């Protein structure tokens, strides 16, 4: 079974750049894109628009923007970590925020990694390649 990446991104340009970068890096995993924090929680917990989804199948990694409509990325992260069934899902904060407070808050709430989105496409491609290689190939998640 292919490992799924959950991309939580409200900016369509950043979404498209991420998907292009994955393709260019030959990351062939399915990418589920949700555009706000509420939809991310619906997907993870199998409710709302994602009611009936098999929630026992977790994403291999969640790439989570912080500045999201409806429910903030930090709140999504907190809800993921508070739930026994989702607390071990790797969550990478992928954001343009350079605020040290966001970095600290993300790690305090259980982020596995904090990555700033590079402005330059070549750097973005390199970052996506390394994210994919690490979280989808090298990382050994618990069963």
Protein backbone atom coordinates (compact mmCIF):
# COMPACT_ATOMS: atom_id res chain seq x y z
CA UNK A 1 0.00 0.00 0.00
CA UNK A 2 1.31 3.44 -0.94
CA UNK A 3 1.99 5.75 1.96
CA UNK A 4 -0.21 8.84 1.84
CA UNK A 5 1.02 12.37 2.47
CA UNK A 6 -1.52 14.77 3.96
CA UNK A 7 -0.78 18.30 2.74
CA UNK A 8 -2.64 20.96 4.72
CA UNK A 9 -2.21 24.11 2.65
CA UNK A 10 -4.62 26.96 1.95
CA UNK A 11 -2.43 28.74 -0.61
CA UNK A 12 -3.01 27.18 -4.03
CA UNK A 13 0.33 28.47 -5.37
CA UNK A 14 2.22 26.81 -2.49
CA UNK A 15 0.15 23.66 -2.98
CA UNK A 16 1.06 23.52 -6.67
CA UNK A 17 4.74 24.20 -5.95
CA UNK A 18 4.76 21.38 -3.40
CA UNK A 19 3.13 18.93 -5.81
CA UNK A 20 5.52 19.91 -8.62
CA UNK A 21 8.48 19.55 -6.27
CA UNK A 22 7.31 16.06 -5.25
CA UNK A 23 6.93 15.01 -8.90
CA UNK A 24 10.34 16.42 -9.81
CA UNK A 25 11.82 14.55 -6.84
CA UNK A 26 10.10 11.36 -8.01
CA UNK A 27 7.97 11.11 -4.88
CA UNK A 28 5.09 9.03 -6.19
CA UNK A 29 3.07 8.78 -3.01
CA UNK A 30 -0.56 9.81 -3.06
CA UNK A 31 -0.98 13.33 -1.73
CA UNK A 32 -4.27 14.26 -0.10
CA UNK A 33 -4.68 18.03 -0.09
CA UNK A 34 -6.94 19.81 2.36
CA UNK A 35 -7.23 23.58 2.43
CA UNK A 36 -8.05 24.49 6.01
CA UNK A 37 -7.60 23.22 9.53
CA UNK A 38 -11.17 22.03 9.88
CA UNK A 39 -10.89 19.85 6.78
CA UNK A 40 -7.57 18.46 8.05
CA UNK A 41 -9.25 17.36 11.28
CA UNK A 42 -12.22 15.95 9.32
CA UNK A 43 -9.82 13.88 7.22
CA UNK A 44 -7.78 12.63 10.17
CA UNK A 45 -10.80 11.73 12.29
CA UNK A 46 -13.10 10.55 9.47
CA UNK A 47 -15.91 13.05 9.99
CA UNK A 48 -17.62 15.78 7.96
CA UNK A 49 -16.66 15.65 4.29
CA UNK A 50 -14.43 12.64 5.07
CA UNK A 51 -17.03 10.63 7.03
CA UNK A 52 -16.60 6.94 6.41
CA UNK A 53 -12.88 7.16 5.60
CA UNK A 54 -10.91 4.29 7.14
CA UNK A 55 -9.21 6.23 9.93
CA UNK A 56 -7.01 3.27 10.81
CA UNK A 57 -4.99 4.19 7.71
CA UNK A 58 -2.90 7.14 8.83
CA UNK A 59 -0.89 9.44 6.61
CA UNK A 60 2.83 8.66 6.58
CA UNK A 61 3.38 12.35 7.29
CA UNK A 62 1.28 15.49 7.67
CA UNK A 63 2.75 18.63 6.08
CA UNK A 64 0.98 21.35 8.03
CA UNK A 65 0.88 25.06 7.34
CA UNK A 66 0.38 27.24 10.41
CA UNK A 67 -1.71 30.08 8.99
CA UNK A 68 -4.92 28.32 8.02
CA UNK A 69 -8.55 29.39 7.82
CA UNK A 70 -11.16 28.03 10.25
CA UNK A 71 -8.76 26.15 12.57
CA UNK A 72 -5.12 27.21 12.95
CA UNK A 73 -2.26 24.85 12.23
CA UNK A 74 -1.22 24.94 15.89
CA UNK A 75 -4.72 23.91 16.96
CA UNK A 76 -4.69 21.07 14.39
CA UNK A 77 -1.34 19.93 15.78
CA UNK A 78 -2.68 20.01 19.34
CA UNK A 79 -5.74 17.96 18.38
CA UNK A 80 -3.56 15.40 16.58
CA UNK A 81 -1.33 15.01 19.65
CA UNK A 82 -4.24 14.84 22.12
CA UNK A 83 -5.81 11.84 20.39
CA UNK A 84 -4.48 8.36 21.17
CA UNK A 85 -5.07 7.15 17.58
CA UNK A 86 -3.27 10.03 15.86
CA UNK A 87 -0.62 11.16 18.34
CA UNK A 88 2.22 9.24 16.63
CA UNK A 89 1.58 10.54 13.11
CA UNK A 90 4.65 12.55 12.05
CA UNK A 91 3.76 16.23 11.64
CA UNK A 92 6.07 18.57 9.79
CA UNK A 93 5.26 22.25 10.03
CA UNK A 94 5.77 23.61 6.49
CA UNK A 95 5.23 27.34 6.67
CA UNK A 96 6.53 30.70 5.57
CA UNK A 97 6.55 31.99 9.16
CA UNK A 98 9.96 33.03 10.45
CA UNK A 99 8.61 33.93 13.89
CA UNK A 100 10.59 32.27 16.68
CA UNK A 101 7.36 32.11 18.70
CA UNK A 102 5.81 29.89 15.98
CA UNK A 103 8.84 27.58 16.04
CA UNK A 104 8.70 27.25 19.83
CA UNK A 105 4.92 26.80 19.91
CA UNK A 106 5.10 24.14 17.20
CA UNK A 107 7.69 22.08 19.05
CA UNK A 108 5.93 22.58 22.38
CA UNK A 109 2.77 21.13 20.85
CA UNK A 110 4.59 18.10 19.45
CA UNK A 111 5.76 18.95 15.93
CA UNK A 112 8.34 16.51 14.60
CA UNK A 113 9.99 19.14 12.43
CA UNK A 114 9.69 22.79 11.43
CA UNK A 115 10.57 23.74 7.85
CA UNK A 116 10.35 27.22 6.39
CA UNK A 117 9.10 27.29 2.82
CA UNK A 118 11.95 28.51 0.64
CA UNK A 119 11.06 31.36 -1.71
CA UNK A 120 13.38 30.11 -4.45
CA UNK A 121 11.93 27.20 -6.47
CA UNK A 122 15.23 25.29 -6.65
CA UNK A 123 15.54 25.49 -2.87
CA UNK A 124 11.88 24.49 -2.50
CA UNK A 125 12.51 21.48 -4.76
CA UNK A 126 15.51 20.49 -2.66
CA UNK A 127 13.53 20.84 0.58
CA UNK A 128 10.64 18.72 -0.78
CA UNK A 129 13.09 16.07 -1.96
CA UNK A 130 14.70 15.84 1.48
CA UNK A 131 11.34 15.84 3.27
CA UNK A 132 10.12 13.00 1.07
CA UNK A 133 13.33 11.00 1.40
CA UNK A 134 13.42 11.30 5.16
CA UNK A 135 9.76 10.87 6.11
CA UNK A 136 8.77 8.34 3.45
CA UNK A 137 11.93 6.25 3.10
CA UNK A 138 14.31 6.65 6.03
CA UNK A 139 11.98 7.27 8.97
CA UNK A 140 10.88 4.13 10.83
CA UNK A 141 7.39 4.77 12.24
CA UNK A 142 5.82 2.59 14.96
CA UNK A 143 3.25 0.02 13.88
